[in-house]
């Protein structure tokens, strides 16, 4: 059974689940919005049984994770999320690990892999090269993409902040239902995760994330140099498997076309599921991680 622990970094007290042998090969599973660590409930035991030390952190603004200072900017930008993963490895004394994630967690894992490749032995990324092209996102997208991103537009206004503050469960449940058509879940399953949205910084982090991407909020000045590097669209130079859910309305057409952004060994897989991939297809998510692990263990991770 996973044990809830806390790791202290310069910015956060990061709550995380820890399962598997302490000396096992390390894997960090990063969740998305609006989800939490429970998205990996059926992935974790598969990896632990394969000898992994499985670390599943609550992202900033979620669950028991807390900012250490009231003065710290409640940033939700991609460089902050990725920096948190690297800081967590530092706090745990882990030189390098496989990273895997989806949604915000996929973005964080991709960014960390691009900026700190020496710390990442392999990557599993839902939705391909999931580094946000901030400049592109600040310009209009095709109407179908704008439609499915309604929540992002809502969050640009104070009306949206109020909606998320007062109706966070109802709003997030709508996103679960819309993004994973065909996936059924009961009230207890949703509530187990929804408790993570009661974090006192949840609203501020979420609102900043989407306003920063739309150009309506400034970023953390301490992360400016990292965001400048990300704006150059750096390739990812670690062995990677990318995943798509064929029924994900957020990713129409999938992300197989991202292959050129991966400079080491890369494989793309599509699965019949929606956006919440690790919950809908946990065996496929775990299988991808174990494949990347086999590449690195055998020394066959070059392009």
Protein backbone atom coordinates (compact mmCIF):
# COMPACT_ATOMS: atom_id res chain seq x y z
CA UNK A 1 0.00 0.00 0.00
CA UNK A 2 1.22 3.50 -0.84
CA UNK A 3 2.47 5.63 2.04
CA UNK A 4 1.73 9.37 2.13
CA UNK A 5 4.90 11.34 2.80
CA UNK A 6 6.07 14.93 2.54
CA UNK A 7 9.23 16.29 0.92
CA UNK A 8 10.40 19.83 1.65
CA UNK A 9 11.75 21.94 -1.20
CA UNK A 10 12.68 25.60 -1.26
CA UNK A 11 9.16 26.51 -2.37
CA UNK A 12 6.83 23.70 -1.31
CA UNK A 13 6.08 20.96 1.14
CA UNK A 14 5.20 18.38 -1.51
CA UNK A 15 2.89 15.59 -0.40
CA UNK A 16 3.46 12.38 -2.33
CA UNK A 17 2.62 8.71 -2.33
CA UNK A 18 5.52 6.28 -2.17
CA UNK A 19 5.16 2.62 -3.06
CA UNK A 20 7.51 -0.18 -4.01
CA UNK A 21 11.03 -1.07 -2.87
CA UNK A 22 13.09 1.88 -1.61
CA UNK A 23 15.99 0.72 -3.76
CA UNK A 24 13.82 0.15 -6.82
CA UNK A 25 14.18 2.02 -10.10
CA UNK A 26 12.48 5.39 -9.58
CA UNK A 27 9.42 6.56 -11.50
CA UNK A 28 7.51 9.78 -10.86
CA UNK A 29 3.86 9.88 -11.97
CA UNK A 30 2.47 13.41 -12.36
CA UNK A 31 -1.29 13.99 -12.47
CA UNK A 32 -3.24 16.67 -14.30
CA UNK A 33 -6.04 19.18 -13.81
CA UNK A 34 -8.65 18.53 -12.54
CA UNK A 35 -7.37 15.21 -11.21
CA UNK A 36 -5.01 14.07 -8.47
CA UNK A 37 -2.88 11.10 -7.38
CA UNK A 38 -5.84 8.70 -7.51
CA UNK A 39 -5.64 8.74 -11.30
CA UNK A 40 -2.77 6.29 -10.87
CA UNK A 41 -4.40 3.93 -8.37
CA UNK A 42 -4.34 1.05 -10.85
CA UNK A 43 -1.00 1.97 -12.42
CA UNK A 44 1.07 2.10 -9.23
CA UNK A 45 0.77 -1.58 -8.15
CA UNK A 46 1.70 -2.79 -11.64
CA UNK A 47 4.92 -0.79 -11.51
CA UNK A 48 5.74 -1.67 -7.90
CA UNK A 49 5.41 -5.35 -8.73
CA UNK A 50 7.96 -4.79 -11.50
CA UNK A 51 10.51 -3.48 -9.02
CA UNK A 52 9.84 0.26 -9.26
CA UNK A 53 9.89 2.80 -6.52
CA UNK A 54 6.75 4.70 -7.51
CA UNK A 55 6.46 8.34 -6.43
CA UNK A 56 3.16 10.12 -7.06
CA UNK A 57 3.17 13.78 -5.96
CA UNK A 58 0.23 16.08 -5.46
CA UNK A 59 0.97 19.03 -7.74
CA UNK A 60 1.15 22.55 -6.36
CA UNK A 61 -2.36 23.69 -5.48
CA UNK A 62 -3.67 20.15 -5.00
CA UNK A 63 -4.34 17.99 -1.96
CA UNK A 64 -1.96 18.28 1.01
CA UNK A 65 0.86 19.99 -0.95
CA UNK A 66 1.47 23.46 0.50
CA UNK A 67 3.51 26.56 -0.30
CA UNK A 68 6.01 27.27 2.44
CA UNK A 69 5.61 31.05 2.30
CA UNK A 70 2.59 33.28 1.90
CA UNK A 71 4.80 35.56 -0.19
CA UNK A 72 5.52 32.98 -2.91
CA UNK A 73 3.73 33.60 -6.20
CA UNK A 74 1.00 31.00 -6.76
CA UNK A 75 2.22 30.35 -10.28
CA UNK A 76 0.72 27.62 -12.41
CA UNK A 77 3.02 28.13 -15.40
CA UNK A 78 4.71 25.14 -16.99
CA UNK A 79 8.22 26.03 -15.83
CA UNK A 80 7.01 26.06 -12.21
CA UNK A 81 5.35 22.65 -12.50
CA UNK A 82 8.48 21.14 -14.06
CA UNK A 83 10.81 22.77 -11.55
CA UNK A 84 8.72 21.19 -8.78
CA UNK A 85 9.44 17.70 -10.18
CA UNK A 86 13.19 18.35 -10.26
CA UNK A 87 13.08 19.85 -6.76
CA UNK A 88 11.25 16.75 -5.56
CA UNK A 89 13.98 14.50 -6.96
CA UNK A 90 16.55 16.68 -5.19
CA UNK A 91 14.67 16.48 -1.90
CA UNK A 92 14.48 12.68 -2.16
CA UNK A 93 18.13 12.31 -3.14
CA UNK A 94 17.25 10.73 -6.50
CA UNK A 95 19.81 11.57 -9.22
CA UNK A 96 17.50 10.65 -12.12
CA UNK A 97 14.17 8.96 -12.75
CA UNK A 98 11.64 8.05 -15.40
CA UNK A 99 8.92 10.70 -15.59
CA UNK A 100 5.38 9.99 -16.74
CA UNK A 101 2.28 12.16 -16.82
CA UNK A 102 -0.76 13.53 -18.58
CA UNK A 103 -2.45 16.92 -18.80
CA UNK A 104 -0.55 19.28 -16.44
CA UNK A 105 1.57 16.33 -15.35
CA UNK A 106 2.44 15.49 -18.96
CA UNK A 107 3.42 19.09 -19.57
CA UNK A 108 5.56 19.16 -16.42
CA UNK A 109 7.25 15.89 -17.37
CA UNK A 110 8.00 17.05 -20.91
CA UNK A 111 9.35 20.40 -19.73
CA UNK A 112 11.57 18.75 -17.12
CA UNK A 113 12.85 16.32 -19.75
CA UNK A 114 13.67 19.16 -22.15
CA UNK A 115 15.34 21.44 -19.61
CA UNK A 116 17.03 18.88 -17.36
CA UNK A 117 17.64 15.76 -19.53
CA UNK A 118 20.43 14.61 -17.23
CA UNK A 119 17.82 14.07 -14.51
CA UNK A 120 15.41 12.05 -16.68
CA UNK A 121 16.18 8.49 -17.74
CA UNK A 122 12.99 8.14 -19.78
CA UNK A 123 9.63 9.74 -20.43
CA UNK A 124 6.04 8.65 -20.98
CA UNK A 125 3.95 11.56 -22.17
CA UNK A 126 0.25 11.61 -22.83
CA UNK A 127 -0.47 13.99 -25.73
CA UNK A 128 2.92 13.98 -27.40
CA UNK A 129 5.30 16.92 -27.12
CA UNK A 130 3.30 18.56 -24.37
CA UNK A 131 5.32 21.74 -23.94
CA UNK A 132 2.96 24.68 -24.27
CA UNK A 133 3.60 26.94 -27.22
CA UNK A 134 2.62 30.05 -25.30
CA UNK A 135 2.98 32.38 -28.28
CA UNK A 136 0.65 30.21 -30.38
CA UNK A 137 -1.88 29.81 -27.57
CA UNK A 138 -2.18 33.56 -27.29
CA UNK A 139 -3.61 33.64 -30.83
CA UNK A 140 -6.94 32.26 -32.02
CA UNK A 141 -7.29 28.52 -32.57
CA UNK A 142 -9.76 26.78 -34.91
CA UNK A 143 -13.34 27.12 -33.65
CA UNK A 144 -13.61 23.47 -32.59
CA UNK A 145 -10.55 23.87 -30.34
CA UNK A 146 -11.87 27.13 -28.92
CA UNK A 147 -15.18 25.41 -28.12
CA UNK A 148 -13.66 22.55 -26.15
CA UNK A 149 -11.45 25.05 -24.29
CA UNK A 150 -14.45 26.92 -22.87
CA UNK A 151 -13.18 26.61 -19.31
CA UNK A 152 -9.90 28.33 -20.24
CA UNK A 153 -11.83 31.30 -21.60
CA UNK A 154 -14.02 31.38 -18.50
CA UNK A 155 -10.95 31.54 -16.27
CA UNK A 156 -9.73 34.76 -17.93
CA UNK A 157 -12.37 36.77 -16.08
CA UNK A 158 -13.10 37.38 -12.43
CA UNK A 159 -16.45 35.75 -13.12
CA UNK A 160 -14.46 32.59 -13.92
CA UNK A 161 -12.48 32.85 -10.71
CA UNK A 162 -15.72 33.15 -8.77
CA UNK A 163 -17.19 30.17 -10.60
CA UNK A 164 -14.16 27.99 -9.84
CA UNK A 165 -14.10 29.16 -6.23
CA UNK A 166 -17.79 28.60 -5.53
CA UNK A 167 -18.55 25.68 -7.86
CA UNK A 168 -15.24 23.85 -8.21
CA UNK A 169 -16.72 20.37 -7.84
CA UNK A 170 -19.50 20.91 -10.35
CA UNK A 171 -17.17 22.54 -12.87
CA UNK A 172 -14.49 19.88 -12.58
CA UNK A 173 -17.00 17.07 -12.83
CA UNK A 174 -18.26 18.52 -16.11
CA UNK A 175 -14.68 18.43 -17.42
CA UNK A 176 -14.30 14.77 -16.38
CA UNK A 177 -17.49 13.91 -18.25
CA UNK A 178 -16.73 15.92 -21.36
CA UNK A 179 -13.10 14.84 -21.72
CA UNK A 180 -13.67 11.11 -21.21
CA UNK A 181 -16.82 10.16 -23.12
CA UNK A 182 -17.62 6.54 -22.44
CA UNK A 183 -15.80 6.42 -19.09
CA UNK A 184 -18.18 5.91 -16.20
CA UNK A 185 -17.40 6.75 -12.59
CA UNK A 186 -19.47 7.00 -9.45
CA UNK A 187 -19.86 9.79 -6.91
CA UNK A 188 -17.41 8.22 -4.48
CA UNK A 189 -14.69 8.01 -7.12
CA UNK A 190 -15.08 11.66 -8.03
CA UNK A 191 -15.25 12.84 -4.42
CA UNK A 192 -12.07 10.96 -3.50
CA UNK A 193 -10.23 13.21 -5.96
CA UNK A 194 -12.37 16.33 -5.52
CA UNK A 195 -11.13 16.70 -1.96
CA UNK A 196 -7.80 17.73 -3.49
CA UNK A 197 -9.51 20.79 -4.96
CA UNK A 198 -10.07 22.13 -1.43
CA UNK A 199 -6.38 23.07 -1.25
CA UNK A 200 -6.24 26.78 -0.28
CA UNK A 201 -4.09 27.57 -3.32
CA UNK A 202 -6.07 25.54 -5.88
CA UNK A 203 -7.97 28.45 -7.40
CA UNK A 204 -5.00 30.81 -7.56
CA UNK A 205 -2.73 28.23 -9.21
CA UNK A 206 -5.34 27.12 -11.75
CA UNK A 207 -6.35 30.66 -12.68
CA UNK A 208 -2.73 31.75 -13.08
CA UNK A 209 -1.95 28.73 -15.26
CA UNK A 210 -4.55 29.62 -17.87
CA UNK A 211 -4.18 33.39 -17.68
CA UNK A 212 -0.41 33.13 -18.15
CA UNK A 213 -0.88 31.00 -21.25
CA UNK A 214 -3.36 33.53 -22.67
CA UNK A 215 -1.05 36.47 -21.98
CA UNK A 216 -3.30 37.90 -19.28
CA UNK A 217 -0.96 37.31 -16.31
CA UNK A 218 2.75 37.78 -15.83
CA UNK A 219 4.92 34.83 -14.92
CA UNK A 220 7.23 34.32 -11.99
CA UNK A 221 10.32 36.43 -12.70
CA UNK A 222 12.53 33.72 -11.24
CA UNK A 223 11.36 31.41 -14.04
CA UNK A 224 11.69 33.88 -16.93
CA UNK A 225 14.90 32.36 -18.31
CA UNK A 226 13.32 28.89 -18.34
CA UNK A 227 10.24 30.16 -20.17
CA UNK A 228 12.52 31.83 -22.73
CA UNK A 229 14.20 28.49 -23.38
CA UNK A 230 10.83 26.77 -23.73
CA UNK A 231 9.73 29.39 -26.25
CA UNK A 232 12.49 28.06 -28.52
CA UNK A 233 10.67 24.69 -28.67
CA UNK A 234 13.63 22.59 -27.49
CA UNK A 235 13.63 18.93 -28.56
CA UNK A 236 13.30 16.22 -25.95
CA UNK A 237 16.47 14.15 -25.85
CA UNK A 238 15.46 11.26 -23.59
CA UNK A 239 13.87 7.96 -24.66
CA UNK A 240 10.14 8.53 -24.88
CA UNK A 241 6.83 6.84 -25.50
CA UNK A 242 4.00 9.22 -26.36
CA UNK A 243 0.37 8.25 -25.95
CA UNK A 244 -2.96 9.35 -27.39
CA UNK A 245 -6.52 8.58 -26.40
CA UNK A 246 -8.52 8.29 -29.61
CA UNK A 247 -11.69 9.56 -27.90
CA UNK A 248 -10.12 12.61 -26.29
CA UNK A 249 -11.97 15.73 -27.51
CA UNK A 250 -9.07 17.93 -26.38
CA UNK A 251 -6.71 16.26 -28.86
CA UNK A 252 -8.63 15.75 -32.11
CA UNK A 253 -6.47 13.89 -34.60
CA UNK A 254 -3.94 12.91 -31.96
CA UNK A 255 -0.30 13.89 -31.64
CA UNK A 256 1.61 11.43 -33.82
CA UNK A 257 2.84 14.41 -35.85
CA UNK A 258 4.99 15.48 -32.88
CA UNK A 259 7.56 12.77 -33.61
CA UNK A 260 10.18 15.22 -34.93
CA UNK A 261 10.37 16.85 -31.48
CA UNK A 262 11.95 13.73 -29.95
CA UNK A 263 15.67 13.32 -30.56
CA UNK A 264 16.22 9.99 -28.79
CA UNK A 265 14.39 6.69 -29.18
CA UNK A 266 10.69 7.40 -29.58
CA UNK A 267 7.53 5.39 -30.07
CA UNK A 268 3.93 6.58 -30.37
CA UNK A 269 0.90 4.57 -29.25
CA UNK A 270 -2.84 5.21 -29.55
CA UNK A 271 -5.46 3.63 -27.30
CA UNK A 272 -9.25 3.67 -27.44
CA UNK A 273 -9.95 5.91 -24.45
CA UNK A 274 -10.51 9.54 -23.49
CA UNK A 275 -8.37 12.19 -21.84
CA UNK A 276 -8.03 10.54 -18.44
CA UNK A 277 -5.71 7.90 -19.88
CA UNK A 278 -4.11 6.36 -16.77
CA UNK A 279 -7.49 5.85 -15.15
CA UNK A 280 -9.24 4.63 -18.28
CA UNK A 281 -6.39 2.42 -19.56
CA UNK A 282 -4.06 1.83 -16.59
CA UNK A 283 -2.57 -1.35 -18.04
CA UNK A 284 -1.57 0.49 -21.21
CA UNK A 285 -0.07 3.37 -19.25
CA UNK A 286 1.95 1.00 -17.08
CA UNK A 287 2.96 -1.03 -20.12
CA UNK A 288 4.43 2.07 -21.77
CA UNK A 289 6.47 2.87 -18.67
CA UNK A 290 7.77 -0.68 -18.45
CA UNK A 291 8.78 -0.54 -22.11
CA UNK A 292 10.77 2.65 -21.55
CA UNK A 293 12.33 1.02 -18.51
CA UNK A 294 13.38 -1.97 -20.64
CA UNK A 295 15.00 0.36 -23.18
CA UNK A 296 17.08 2.14 -20.58
CA UNK A 297 17.97 -1.04 -18.71
CA UNK A 298 19.28 -2.60 -21.93
CA UNK A 299 21.06 0.51 -23.07
CA UNK A 300 19.01 0.79 -26.27
CA UNK A 301 17.65 4.29 -25.75
CA UNK A 302 19.47 6.05 -28.58
CA UNK A 303 17.56 7.30 -31.60
